[in-house]
Amino acid sequence: MKKKYGTIVLASFLTVSMMLASACSNQNQPNNDPPAQSNQTENTGGSNKPADPLEKYPETVTVTQVLGFSPPQDGKTPASTTPETNGYVLKLKEMLNIDLKYLWTVPSDQFEQKFSLSVASGDLPDIMSVGTTDFEKFKEDGLLADLTDAYNNYASPRLKQYVEQDGGATLSMFKDKEGRILGLPNFEDPYMSSQILWIRGDWLANLKLEVPESLEELEQVAEAFVKQDPDQNGKDDTFGIAMNKDLVTWGFDARGLFHTMGAYPKAWVKGADGKLVAGEVQPETKKALEKLQSWYTNGLLDKEFAYKDINKVVEDVVAGKVGIAFGEWWYPEWPLNLNRDKDPKADWKAFVLPSYEGKPSMPMIPKVRLTKVFVANKEMKNPEAMVKMANFFLELEDPKYKDVRKPENGFVYSWYDPRFFNPTAIADGYMAVNEALKAGNADSLDPQYLKTYDTAKKYLDGDQSSWGEYTSRVDENGGWAMTQKVKEMPVVFNEFAGSPTPTQVEKGASLDKLTDETFIKIIVGKPISEFDKYVESWKKLGGNDISDEVNEWYAESAAK
């Protein structure tokens, strides 16, 4: 494809997805067994011959992609392994006769810039994983292949189970007005975004403190963690609450505090009149910023937090400088496990968010937790190859291939796309493994959960190296256990689940920058009255137009 257009702006969503993949890249594998075989038939000019999701091409089909990659996570991977010699790529050629070629590969941190240049030049590959903003731009410019027949004819039962697990609601977001499928979404259980609270239980014990149940009690604990030498090393080297300069991001941020206080910045929630309102400009957010300002002034936050990205905050966590963090269920697998490696006494405990002013917290849950959207270039000769490549990945997740797809055989799954996962894998595994542990055997356990079961057994038998996976996925007082509790609580939903509106595409980035800069300035000392000026500017610079567009979408969505 050589069609040029220079107006596409990469969504920040794409970068966040890549960081999430790096932080918890194996949280959704392996997959469930497929349901009963579909009755879908191939379009063969009147024949009712069932389509074969893994049909091998008689002649080699070449498919192009681009890749941003990080080093293999498993140390057993041969040093000679490259994206081009990845076991998945070689096995794909063997099984389906699809020859995967990369137009270019770069380290993950260079991908966004490189892809932007490719977009500007119109030099795009056959298959891409994109965010919603890029999807809309590609769709508007007529650059996407119609995947309807490819999906209907070739998607395996397992792939359809995952793509349509929510009844097809997410899939419908990536159809055009005529109902043609232009993208295949990969999404997860929205409750995986639930904010919970992580506290070092050993520090509570050292200072003889009770578990805080309210925000007011949490402040008292944080102050003690700053002033009373919780690690008992005789040094003034700790602070209370981990926080990075990006207040609403994917980890070690302020979302948990905002949600505790009923504030939901960068989300669209129902207002008193039933219409959707932007959380960042609501009075509750102003009140939460006042709280953060007091935390900063009183030393509960690192005085340097406004200059620290998430990687720097993680360094503080690993070094044992902080004892409280808002976040998600997976923290024990990274980076809390690294803190325990340095300090085996580090005893991180999970809790639901504290109450505030006598009322239980209401975490915010997205209507859709989207990870990637896979699209095909309109000029791709065999768009069904993308669907078959997805089928291939799911096929190799079957336990019968466990001795094939080993890292020592050069298989690096994070280098391969398109990958799809079971949206409810974590919840299903939590229930299944705990049932097997209580039964005392794994005789009836689905093979996909055997690894987690074995890890849990090792930890319970004293293997401390298994603490991270056990605490996040299995422990009935751990990360996912608290997420399960959230499912039983009242929550607030981010109601907007559509593609970016026209004004969001045009002005969303500048409004986000305004929001981020204003919030940080207020926290580190600007008068809280700056918030009211910010709200006025936000509305004038496009916020009101975006609100109108979002509510127009909401009215149409509710009418369906």
Protein backbone atom coordinates (compact mmCIF):
# COMPACT_ATOMS: atom_id res chain seq x y z
CA MET A 1 0.00 0.00 0.00
CA LYS A 2 1.43 3.36 -1.00
CA LYS A 3 -1.51 5.64 -0.35
CA LYS A 4 -0.24 8.58 1.68
CA TYR A 5 -1.97 10.46 4.41
CA GLY A 6 -0.30 12.35 7.20
CA THR A 7 -3.16 13.14 9.51
CA ILE A 8 -3.20 10.03 11.67
CA VAL A 9 -2.28 10.54 15.29
CA LEU A 10 -1.37 7.39 17.20
CA ALA A 11 -3.60 6.82 20.19
CA SER A 12 -1.98 6.76 23.59
CA PHE A 13 -3.97 3.57 23.98
CA LEU A 14 -1.45 1.74 21.79
CA THR A 15 1.44 2.71 24.04
CA VAL A 16 -0.48 1.77 27.17
CA SER A 17 -1.34 -1.60 25.67
CA MET A 18 2.32 -2.28 24.99
CA MET A 19 3.30 -1.32 28.54
CA LEU A 20 0.58 -3.50 29.99
CA ALA A 21 1.77 -6.37 27.86
CA SER A 22 5.28 -5.88 29.25
CA ALA A 23 4.09 -5.66 32.83
CA CYS A 24 1.73 -8.62 32.87
CA SER A 25 2.13 -10.22 29.50
CA ASN A 26 1.17 -13.75 30.46
CA GLN A 27 -1.82 -12.97 32.62
CA ASN A 28 -4.37 -14.31 30.16
CA GLN A 29 -2.90 -17.56 28.97
CA PRO A 30 -3.48 -20.38 28.34
CA ASN A 31 -7.03 -20.62 27.02
CA ASN A 32 -10.25 -22.51 27.55
CA ASP A 33 -11.13 -25.52 25.46
CA PRO A 34 -13.39 -24.59 22.54
CA PRO A 35 -17.14 -25.13 22.58
CA ALA A 36 -18.95 -27.51 20.26
CA GLN A 37 -18.06 -27.22 16.59
CA SER A 38 -19.74 -24.47 14.63
CA ASN A 39 -22.08 -25.17 11.73
CA GLN A 40 -20.50 -22.31 9.77
CA THR A 41 -19.72 -23.32 6.20
CA GLU A 42 -17.22 -21.99 3.72
CA ASN A 43 -18.38 -19.92 0.76
CA THR A 44 -17.45 -22.33 -2.02
CA GLY A 45 -19.83 -21.36 -4.75
CA GLY A 46 -22.82 -23.31 -3.43
CA SER A 47 -20.95 -26.11 -1.67
CA ASN A 48 -21.77 -26.82 1.99
CA LYS A 49 -18.31 -28.13 2.71
CA PRO A 50 -17.37 -27.00 6.26
CA ALA A 51 -14.50 -24.51 6.34
CA ASP A 52 -11.28 -25.71 7.94
CA PRO A 53 -9.98 -23.04 10.36
CA LEU A 54 -6.46 -24.45 9.91
CA GLU A 55 -6.59 -25.28 6.21
CA LYS A 56 -3.07 -25.33 4.77
CA TYR A 57 -2.60 -23.23 1.66
CA PRO A 58 -1.50 -25.33 -1.34
CA GLU A 59 0.74 -22.47 -2.45
CA THR A 60 2.75 -20.33 -0.03
CA VAL A 61 0.95 -17.15 1.06
CA THR A 62 3.19 -14.30 2.19
CA VAL A 63 1.88 -11.99 4.91
CA THR A 64 3.64 -8.82 6.07
CA GLN A 65 3.68 -7.26 9.53
CA VAL A 66 5.71 -4.82 11.63
CA LEU A 67 6.87 -5.48 15.18
CA GLY A 68 7.97 -3.66 18.30
CA PHE A 69 9.48 -6.20 20.66
CA SER A 70 11.21 -6.61 24.00
CA PRO A 71 13.75 -9.31 24.91
CA PRO A 72 12.23 -12.76 25.61
CA GLN A 73 10.99 -13.02 29.19
CA ASP A 74 12.12 -16.62 29.58
CA GLY A 75 15.83 -17.13 30.08
CA LYS A 76 15.64 -20.53 28.38
CA THR A 77 15.07 -18.89 25.00
CA PRO A 78 18.12 -19.47 22.76
CA ALA A 79 20.16 -16.28 22.31
CA SER A 80 20.09 -16.80 18.54
CA THR A 81 16.29 -16.46 18.39
CA THR A 82 15.07 -13.49 16.38
CA PRO A 83 11.54 -12.37 15.44
CA GLU A 84 12.13 -13.92 12.02
CA THR A 85 13.23 -17.26 13.51
CA ASN A 86 10.62 -17.27 16.27
CA GLY A 87 9.23 -20.78 16.68
CA TYR A 88 5.72 -19.49 16.02
CA VAL A 89 6.79 -18.07 12.67
CA LEU A 90 8.48 -21.31 11.61
CA LYS A 91 5.59 -23.46 12.81
CA LEU A 92 3.11 -21.21 10.99
CA LYS A 93 4.92 -21.88 7.73
CA GLU A 94 4.98 -25.61 8.44
CA MET A 95 1.31 -25.96 9.42
CA LEU A 96 -0.46 -23.39 7.24
CA ASN A 97 2.10 -22.53 4.55
CA ILE A 98 1.90 -18.87 5.58
CA ASP A 99 5.23 -17.13 5.26
CA LEU A 100 5.30 -14.24 7.77
CA LYS A 101 7.63 -11.42 6.73
CA TYR A 102 8.41 -8.31 8.80
CA LEU A 103 8.74 -5.04 6.92
CA TRP A 104 10.68 -3.86 9.95
CA THR A 105 11.24 -4.69 13.62
CA VAL A 106 12.36 -2.29 16.37
CA PRO A 107 12.62 -2.34 20.17
CA SER A 108 9.26 -1.64 21.81
CA ASP A 109 10.18 1.86 22.94
CA GLN A 110 10.83 2.86 19.32
CA PHE A 111 7.68 1.36 17.86
CA GLU A 112 5.34 4.32 18.16
CA GLN A 113 7.67 6.69 16.34
CA LYS A 114 8.52 4.15 13.65
CA PHE A 115 4.89 3.27 13.05
CA SER A 116 3.99 6.96 12.82
CA LEU A 117 6.52 7.34 10.03
CA SER A 118 5.10 4.31 8.23
CA VAL A 119 1.60 5.74 8.51
CA ALA A 120 2.72 9.12 7.18
CA SER A 121 4.40 7.48 4.18
CA GLY A 122 1.52 5.11 3.52
CA ASP A 123 3.90 2.13 3.69
CA LEU A 124 1.75 -0.19 5.78
CA PRO A 125 1.87 -3.97 6.27
CA ASP A 126 -0.86 -6.51 5.59
CA ILE A 127 -1.78 -7.01 9.26
CA MET A 128 -1.68 -4.45 12.08
CA SER A 129 -2.69 -4.17 15.72
CA VAL A 130 -4.01 -0.68 16.44
CA GLY A 131 -5.87 1.42 18.96
CA THR A 132 -9.31 2.90 18.46
CA THR A 133 -8.11 6.28 17.15
CA ASP A 134 -6.04 4.72 14.39
CA PHE A 135 -8.86 2.31 13.63
CA GLU A 136 -11.24 5.21 13.01
CA LYS A 137 -8.74 7.03 10.82
CA PHE A 138 -7.97 3.93 8.77
CA LYS A 139 -11.69 3.27 8.39
CA GLU A 140 -12.45 6.83 7.31
CA ASP A 141 -9.70 6.70 4.69
CA GLY A 142 -10.97 3.39 3.31
CA LEU A 143 -7.75 1.53 4.11
CA LEU A 144 -9.21 -1.51 5.87
CA ALA A 145 -10.11 -4.88 4.41
CA ASP A 146 -13.60 -6.27 4.87
CA LEU A 147 -13.10 -9.24 7.21
CA THR A 148 -16.72 -10.38 7.30
CA ASP A 149 -16.39 -13.43 5.07
CA ALA A 150 -12.94 -14.26 6.40
CA TYR A 151 -14.23 -14.25 9.98
CA ASN A 152 -17.54 -15.99 9.31
CA ASN A 153 -15.97 -18.69 7.15
CA TYR A 154 -12.68 -19.36 8.88
CA ALA A 155 -12.79 -18.27 12.54
CA SER A 156 -12.43 -21.32 14.77
CA PRO A 157 -15.06 -21.98 17.44
CA ARG A 158 -12.56 -20.93 20.10
CA LEU A 159 -11.74 -17.66 18.35
CA LYS A 160 -15.44 -16.86 17.96
CA GLN A 161 -16.00 -17.72 21.62
CA TYR A 162 -13.44 -15.14 22.70
CA VAL A 163 -14.28 -12.39 20.19
CA GLU A 164 -18.02 -12.66 20.89
CA GLN A 165 -17.95 -13.54 24.58
CA ASP A 166 -19.87 -10.37 25.44
CA GLY A 167 -22.57 -11.21 22.93
CA GLY A 168 -20.74 -9.42 20.14
CA ALA A 169 -21.03 -5.96 21.71
CA THR A 170 -17.32 -5.20 21.37
CA LEU A 171 -17.12 -6.69 17.89
CA SER A 172 -19.93 -4.38 16.78
CA MET A 173 -17.71 -1.38 17.61
CA PHE A 174 -15.46 -2.39 14.74
CA LYS A 175 -18.05 -2.75 12.01
CA ASP A 176 -18.98 -0.10 9.49
CA LYS A 177 -22.50 1.27 8.94
CA GLU A 178 -23.27 -1.61 6.59
CA GLY A 179 -22.34 -4.14 9.30
CA ARG A 180 -19.09 -5.25 7.68
CA ILE A 181 -16.38 -6.39 10.09
CA LEU A 182 -13.29 -4.19 9.73
CA GLY A 183 -11.42 -5.22 12.87
CA LEU A 184 -11.25 -8.09 15.35
CA PRO A 185 -11.01 -6.90 18.96
CA ASN A 186 -9.08 -8.62 21.70
CA PHE A 187 -10.55 -7.69 25.08
CA GLU A 188 -10.49 -8.78 28.70
CA ASP A 189 -12.72 -9.00 31.76
CA PRO A 190 -13.42 -5.32 32.54
CA TYR A 191 -13.03 -6.03 36.27
CA MET A 192 -9.33 -6.63 35.65
CA SER A 193 -9.13 -2.82 35.85
CA SER A 194 -10.57 -2.78 39.38
CA GLN A 195 -8.53 -0.63 41.71
CA ILE A 196 -7.55 -2.27 44.99
CA LEU A 197 -5.09 -1.39 47.74
CA TRP A 198 -1.70 -2.98 48.44
CA ILE A 199 -0.06 -2.46 51.85
CA ARG A 200 3.07 -3.93 53.39
CA GLY A 201 1.68 -6.06 56.19
CA ASP A 202 5.12 -6.44 57.77
CA TRP A 203 5.32 -2.66 58.19
CA LEU A 204 1.89 -2.64 59.83
CA ALA A 205 3.10 -5.34 62.22
CA ASN A 206 6.38 -3.55 62.96
CA LEU A 207 4.47 -0.43 63.98
CA LYS A 208 1.62 -2.37 65.64
CA LEU A 209 -0.95 -0.75 63.34
CA GLU A 210 -4.35 -2.10 62.35
CA VAL A 211 -5.38 -2.54 58.73
CA PRO A 212 -6.91 0.79 57.65
CA GLU A 213 -10.56 0.52 56.66
CA SER A 214 -11.26 4.18 55.91
CA LEU A 215 -9.35 6.79 53.93
CA GLU A 216 -8.79 8.71 57.13
CA GLU A 217 -7.16 5.65 58.72
CA LEU A 218 -5.10 5.09 55.57
CA GLU A 219 -3.69 8.60 55.90
CA GLN A 220 -2.65 7.84 59.48
CA VAL A 221 -0.90 4.66 58.38
CA ALA A 222 0.85 6.48 55.53
CA GLU A 223 2.08 9.15 57.94
CA ALA A 224 3.42 6.44 60.27
CA PHE A 225 5.20 4.80 57.33
CA VAL A 226 6.93 8.14 56.71
CA LYS A 227 7.85 9.09 60.27
CA GLN A 228 8.17 5.92 62.37
CA ASP A 229 10.85 3.89 60.54
CA PRO A 230 8.55 1.05 59.41
CA ASP A 231 11.41 -1.04 57.99
CA GLN A 232 13.35 -0.60 61.27
CA ASN A 233 16.64 0.21 59.58
CA GLY A 234 17.25 3.35 61.63
CA LYS A 235 17.11 5.60 58.56
CA ASP A 236 14.66 8.26 57.39
CA ASP A 237 14.31 6.70 53.95
CA THR A 238 10.64 5.74 53.48
CA PHE A 239 7.51 7.47 52.27
CA GLY A 240 3.90 6.48 52.46
CA ILE A 241 2.14 6.12 49.12
CA ALA A 242 3.55 5.24 45.70
CA MET A 243 2.52 7.67 42.97
CA ASN A 244 3.91 8.58 39.56
CA LYS A 245 3.49 11.78 37.56
CA ASP A 246 0.87 10.22 35.26
CA LEU A 247 -2.09 10.31 37.61
CA VAL A 248 -4.41 8.20 35.44
CA THR A 249 -2.44 5.46 33.74
CA TRP A 250 -1.89 1.70 34.11
CA GLY A 251 -0.19 1.36 37.47
CA PHE A 252 1.10 3.08 40.62
CA ASP A 253 -1.08 6.10 39.95
CA ALA A 254 -3.91 8.02 41.61
CA ARG A 255 -6.94 6.15 40.24
CA GLY A 256 -7.54 4.31 43.52
CA LEU A 257 -7.60 7.53 45.51
CA PHE A 258 -9.88 9.22 42.97
CA HIS A 259 -12.30 6.29 43.00
CA THR A 260 -12.29 6.14 46.79
CA MET A 261 -13.50 9.74 46.83
CA GLY A 262 -16.09 9.26 44.08
CA ALA A 263 -14.02 10.99 41.39
CA TYR A 264 -13.49 9.48 37.93
CA PRO A 265 -11.18 11.65 35.80
CA LYS A 266 -10.70 10.66 32.16
CA ALA A 267 -13.91 8.63 32.24
CA TRP A 268 -17.51 9.30 31.24
CA VAL A 269 -20.00 8.64 34.01
CA LYS A 270 -23.71 9.29 34.44
CA GLY A 271 -24.61 12.70 35.81
CA ALA A 272 -27.65 13.58 37.86
CA ASP A 273 -29.69 14.19 34.70
CA GLY A 274 -28.78 10.81 33.21
CA LYS A 275 -26.41 12.28 30.64
CA LEU A 276 -22.73 11.43 30.54
CA VAL A 277 -20.26 13.85 32.09
CA ALA A 278 -16.46 13.97 31.95
CA GLY A 279 -15.10 12.94 35.34
CA GLU A 280 -12.08 15.24 35.20
CA VAL A 281 -14.17 18.41 35.45
CA GLN A 282 -16.50 17.34 38.28
CA PRO A 283 -16.45 18.74 41.85
CA GLU A 284 -15.45 15.35 43.25
CA THR A 285 -12.21 15.52 41.28
CA LYS A 286 -11.48 18.96 42.69
CA LYS A 287 -11.92 17.58 46.19
CA ALA A 288 -9.61 14.64 45.43
CA LEU A 289 -6.94 17.03 44.14
CA GLU A 290 -7.16 18.94 47.40
CA LYS A 291 -6.54 15.66 49.22
CA LEU A 292 -3.54 14.86 47.04
CA GLN A 293 -2.22 18.37 47.65
CA SER A 294 -2.41 17.80 51.40
CA TRP A 295 -0.67 14.44 51.04
CA TYR A 296 2.12 16.09 49.10
CA THR A 297 2.44 18.98 51.55
CA ASN A 298 2.55 16.59 54.53
CA GLY A 299 5.13 14.32 52.95
CA LEU A 300 2.92 11.26 52.37
CA LEU A 301 3.96 11.36 48.71
CA ASP A 302 7.52 11.41 47.45
CA LYS A 303 8.51 15.05 46.98
CA GLU A 304 9.96 14.07 43.60
CA PHE A 305 6.86 12.21 42.38
CA ALA A 306 5.97 14.90 39.82
CA TYR A 307 9.23 14.10 37.99
CA LYS A 308 9.03 10.32 38.20
CA ASP A 309 7.57 8.05 35.57
CA ILE A 310 6.26 4.63 36.47
CA ASN A 311 9.65 2.97 36.02
CA LYS A 312 11.22 5.25 38.63
CA VAL A 313 8.37 4.56 41.05
CA VAL A 314 8.81 0.84 40.54
CA GLU A 315 12.47 1.25 41.45
CA ASP A 316 11.36 2.80 44.76
CA VAL A 317 8.93 -0.05 45.39
CA VAL A 318 11.55 -2.69 44.65
CA ALA A 319 14.08 -0.89 46.87
CA GLY A 320 11.66 -1.04 49.81
CA LYS A 321 11.08 2.71 50.11
CA VAL A 322 7.27 2.65 49.99
CA GLY A 323 4.59 0.67 51.78
CA ILE A 324 1.25 1.60 50.15
CA ALA A 325 0.15 1.50 46.52
CA PHE A 326 -3.15 1.74 44.69
CA GLY A 327 -3.34 -0.63 41.75
CA GLU A 328 -4.58 -3.82 40.21
CA TRP A 329 -4.58 -7.51 41.03
CA TRP A 330 -1.37 -8.46 39.21
CA TYR A 331 1.16 -6.43 41.21
CA PRO A 332 2.62 -9.50 43.02
CA GLU A 333 3.82 -10.89 39.68
CA TRP A 334 5.54 -7.58 38.97
CA PRO A 335 7.04 -5.70 40.71
CA LEU A 336 6.16 -6.72 44.28
CA ASN A 337 7.89 -10.05 43.71
CA LEU A 338 11.11 -8.17 42.98
CA ASN A 339 10.77 -6.34 46.30
CA ARG A 340 10.43 -9.72 48.05
CA ASP A 341 13.51 -10.99 46.23
CA LYS A 342 15.49 -8.18 47.85
CA ASP A 343 13.67 -8.37 51.17
CA PRO A 344 11.98 -11.72 51.96
CA LYS A 345 10.19 -10.06 54.89
CA ALA A 346 8.21 -7.81 52.52
CA ASP A 347 4.66 -9.04 53.10
CA TRP A 348 2.37 -7.21 50.69
CA LYS A 349 -1.35 -7.61 51.46
CA ALA A 350 -4.35 -6.87 49.23
CA PHE A 351 -7.48 -5.02 50.32
CA VAL A 352 -10.50 -3.42 48.70
CA LEU A 353 -10.43 0.37 48.55
CA PRO A 354 -11.12 2.08 51.88
CA SER A 355 -14.37 3.83 52.75
CA TYR A 356 -14.64 7.59 52.59
CA GLU A 357 -16.76 9.78 54.87
CA GLY A 358 -18.54 6.70 56.12
CA LYS A 359 -19.47 5.41 52.66
CA PRO A 360 -17.99 2.40 50.84
CA SER A 361 -15.80 3.18 47.86
CA MET A 362 -17.16 2.60 44.38
CA PRO A 363 -14.39 1.57 41.97
CA MET A 364 -14.78 2.48 38.32
CA ILE A 365 -15.05 -0.34 35.79
CA PRO A 366 -14.73 0.21 32.03
CA LYS A 367 -17.58 -1.05 29.89
CA VAL A 368 -14.90 -2.53 27.62
CA ARG A 369 -11.28 -3.37 28.48
CA LEU A 370 -9.78 -3.40 25.02
CA THR A 371 -6.20 -4.56 24.47
CA LYS A 372 -5.78 -4.57 20.69
CA VAL A 373 -7.76 -4.40 17.48
CA PHE A 374 -6.40 -6.49 14.62
CA VAL A 375 -7.00 -5.11 11.16
CA ALA A 376 -6.00 -6.05 7.63
CA ASN A 377 -4.76 -3.80 4.86
CA LYS A 378 -7.41 -3.38 2.14
CA GLU A 379 -4.80 -4.36 -0.42
CA MET A 380 -4.00 -7.65 1.35
CA LYS A 381 -4.56 -10.48 -1.14
CA ASN A 382 -5.62 -13.07 1.44
CA PRO A 383 -7.37 -11.34 4.37
CA GLU A 384 -8.59 -14.72 5.65
CA ALA A 385 -4.92 -15.46 6.43
CA MET A 386 -5.16 -13.11 9.41
CA VAL A 387 -8.05 -15.12 10.83
CA LYS A 388 -6.23 -18.39 10.22
CA MET A 389 -3.12 -16.99 11.93
CA ALA A 390 -5.27 -16.24 14.99
CA ASN A 391 -6.67 -19.78 14.85
CA PHE A 392 -3.10 -21.08 14.67
CA PHE A 393 -2.08 -19.28 17.86
CA LEU A 394 -5.06 -20.67 19.74
CA GLU A 395 -4.36 -24.15 18.37
CA LEU A 396 -0.82 -24.05 19.74
CA GLU A 397 -2.19 -23.11 23.15
CA ASP A 398 -3.70 -26.60 23.33
CA PRO A 399 -1.90 -28.75 25.95
CA LYS A 400 -0.94 -31.27 23.27
CA TYR A 401 1.59 -28.71 21.97
CA LYS A 402 3.17 -27.98 25.37
CA ASP A 403 6.38 -29.80 24.47
CA VAL A 404 6.54 -28.00 21.14
CA ARG A 405 6.03 -24.34 22.12
CA LYS A 406 8.73 -24.29 24.80
CA PRO A 407 11.00 -21.26 25.10
CA GLU A 408 14.01 -23.51 24.71
CA ASN A 409 12.64 -24.40 21.27
CA GLY A 410 12.71 -20.72 20.30
CA PHE A 411 9.01 -19.97 20.85
CA VAL A 412 8.44 -16.36 21.99
CA TYR A 413 4.69 -15.84 22.10
CA SER A 414 4.92 -12.09 22.83
CA TRP A 415 6.56 -11.61 19.42
CA TYR A 416 3.65 -13.21 17.58
CA ASP A 417 0.41 -11.57 16.45
CA PRO A 418 -2.51 -11.89 16.11
CA ARG A 419 -2.94 -13.35 19.60
CA PHE A 420 -6.33 -13.76 21.24
CA PHE A 421 -7.03 -14.77 24.84
CA ASN A 422 -9.96 -15.96 26.89
CA PRO A 423 -11.43 -12.78 28.45
CA THR A 424 -12.39 -14.64 31.66
CA ALA A 425 -9.27 -16.79 32.01
CA ILE A 426 -8.16 -15.26 35.32
CA ALA A 427 -11.55 -15.57 37.01
CA ASP A 428 -12.08 -19.09 35.67
CA GLY A 429 -8.61 -20.16 36.82
CA TYR A 430 -9.04 -18.66 40.27
CA MET A 431 -12.19 -20.68 40.88
CA ALA A 432 -10.93 -23.89 39.30
CA VAL A 433 -7.54 -23.97 41.04
CA ASN A 434 -9.00 -23.24 44.46
CA GLU A 435 -11.54 -26.02 43.99
CA ALA A 436 -8.72 -28.41 43.06
CA LEU A 437 -6.64 -27.37 46.08
CA LYS A 438 -9.60 -27.97 48.40
CA ALA A 439 -10.21 -31.35 46.78
CA GLY A 440 -6.55 -32.24 47.31
CA ASN A 441 -5.93 -33.24 43.72
CA ALA A 442 -6.09 -31.90 40.16
CA ASP A 443 -7.82 -34.94 38.64
CA SER A 444 -10.73 -32.93 37.25
CA LEU A 445 -8.82 -29.69 36.62
CA ASP A 446 -8.80 -28.30 33.10
CA PRO A 447 -5.24 -28.81 31.75
CA GLN A 448 -4.89 -25.10 31.03
CA TYR A 449 -4.80 -24.40 34.77
CA LEU A 450 -2.32 -27.09 35.75
CA LYS A 451 0.63 -24.69 35.73
CA THR A 452 -1.09 -22.32 38.16
CA TYR A 453 -2.15 -25.27 40.31
CA ASP A 454 1.42 -26.62 40.42
CA THR A 455 2.75 -23.16 41.28
CA ALA A 456 0.22 -22.84 44.11
CA LYS A 457 1.19 -26.24 45.46
CA LYS A 458 4.87 -25.29 45.39
CA TYR A 459 4.20 -22.09 47.31
CA LEU A 460 2.06 -23.85 49.89
CA ASP A 461 4.85 -26.38 50.28
CA GLY A 462 7.32 -23.59 51.06
CA ASP A 463 8.67 -22.45 47.69
CA GLN A 464 8.85 -18.66 48.16
CA SER A 465 9.75 -18.09 44.51
CA SER A 466 6.14 -18.95 43.68
CA TRP A 467 4.73 -16.19 45.90
CA GLY A 468 3.91 -13.77 43.06
CA GLU A 469 1.70 -16.02 40.96
CA TYR A 470 0.07 -17.58 44.01
CA THR A 471 -0.71 -14.23 45.63
CA SER A 472 -2.08 -12.63 42.49
CA ARG A 473 -4.09 -15.56 41.05
CA VAL A 474 -4.90 -18.09 43.78
CA ASP A 475 -4.65 -16.73 47.33
CA GLU A 476 -8.16 -16.26 48.71
CA ASN A 477 -6.93 -13.03 50.30
CA GLY A 478 -4.81 -12.02 47.31
CA GLY A 479 -5.10 -9.83 44.24
CA TRP A 480 -7.76 -11.61 42.25
CA ALA A 481 -9.67 -12.47 45.42
CA MET A 482 -10.09 -8.75 46.10
CA THR A 483 -11.16 -8.25 42.49
CA GLN A 484 -13.81 -10.93 43.00
CA LYS A 485 -15.01 -8.95 46.04
CA VAL A 486 -15.29 -5.84 43.87
CA LYS A 487 -17.65 -7.80 41.62
CA GLU A 488 -20.00 -8.06 44.60
CA MET A 489 -19.83 -4.33 45.37
CA PRO A 490 -21.60 -1.33 43.85
CA VAL A 491 -19.37 0.12 41.14
CA VAL A 492 -19.40 3.01 38.68
CA PHE A 493 -19.04 2.24 34.99
CA ASN A 494 -17.15 4.25 32.44
CA GLU A 495 -20.15 4.42 30.14
CA PHE A 496 -18.42 5.54 26.96
CA ALA A 497 -17.32 2.51 24.96
CA GLY A 498 -17.39 3.94 21.47
CA SER A 499 -14.63 4.91 19.10
CA PRO A 500 -13.14 8.39 19.62
CA THR A 501 -15.46 11.16 18.51
CA PRO A 502 -14.31 13.64 15.83
CA THR A 503 -13.43 16.30 18.39
CA GLN A 504 -11.68 13.76 20.59
CA VAL A 505 -9.50 12.82 17.64
CA GLU A 506 -8.79 16.47 16.88
CA LYS A 507 -8.46 17.95 20.38
CA GLY A 508 -8.36 15.08 22.86
CA ALA A 509 -4.57 15.00 23.18
CA SER A 510 -4.33 18.74 23.93
CA LEU A 511 -7.14 18.52 26.49
CA ASP A 512 -5.43 15.58 28.17
CA LYS A 513 -2.22 17.60 28.34
CA LEU A 514 -4.11 20.51 29.89
CA THR A 515 -5.65 18.15 32.45
CA ASP A 516 -2.37 16.48 33.36
CA GLU A 517 -0.42 19.72 33.73
CA THR A 518 -3.13 21.45 35.77
CA PHE A 519 -3.60 18.53 38.15
CA ILE A 520 0.13 18.22 38.87
CA LYS A 521 0.46 21.98 39.44
CA ILE A 522 -2.40 21.89 41.94
CA ILE A 523 -0.97 18.91 43.82
CA VAL A 524 2.45 20.50 44.23
CA GLY A 525 1.07 23.81 45.49
CA LYS A 526 -0.96 25.92 43.07
CA PRO A 527 -4.21 27.29 44.60
CA ILE A 528 -7.17 24.96 44.25
CA SER A 529 -8.97 27.80 42.47
CA GLU A 530 -6.85 26.83 39.44
CA PHE A 531 -9.25 23.93 39.03
CA ASP A 532 -12.18 26.25 38.25
CA LYS A 533 -10.12 28.08 35.62
CA TYR A 534 -9.12 24.73 34.16
CA VAL A 535 -12.76 23.64 33.87
CA GLU A 536 -13.64 26.81 31.96
CA SER A 537 -10.71 26.32 29.59
CA TRP A 538 -11.47 22.64 29.13
CA LYS A 539 -15.02 23.40 28.06
CA LYS A 540 -14.04 26.21 25.68
CA LEU A 541 -11.18 24.31 24.06
CA GLY A 542 -13.34 21.41 22.94
CA GLY A 543 -14.70 19.76 26.05
CA ASN A 544 -18.25 20.94 25.46
CA ASP A 545 -18.17 19.69 21.87
CA ILE A 546 -16.82 16.31 22.98
CA SER A 547 -19.54 16.10 25.64
CA ASP A 548 -22.21 16.68 23.00
CA GLU A 549 -20.68 14.02 20.73
CA VAL A 550 -20.32 11.48 23.51
CA ASN A 551 -23.92 11.97 24.57
CA GLU A 552 -25.09 11.68 20.97
CA TRP A 553 -23.31 8.31 20.84
CA TYR A 554 -24.80 7.36 24.22
CA ALA A 555 -28.34 8.15 23.08
CA GLU A 556 -27.87 6.09 19.93
CA SER A 557 -26.26 3.25 21.87
CA ALA A 558 -29.05 3.16 24.44
CA ALA A 559 -31.64 3.06 21.66
CA LYS A 560 -30.18 -0.12 20.16
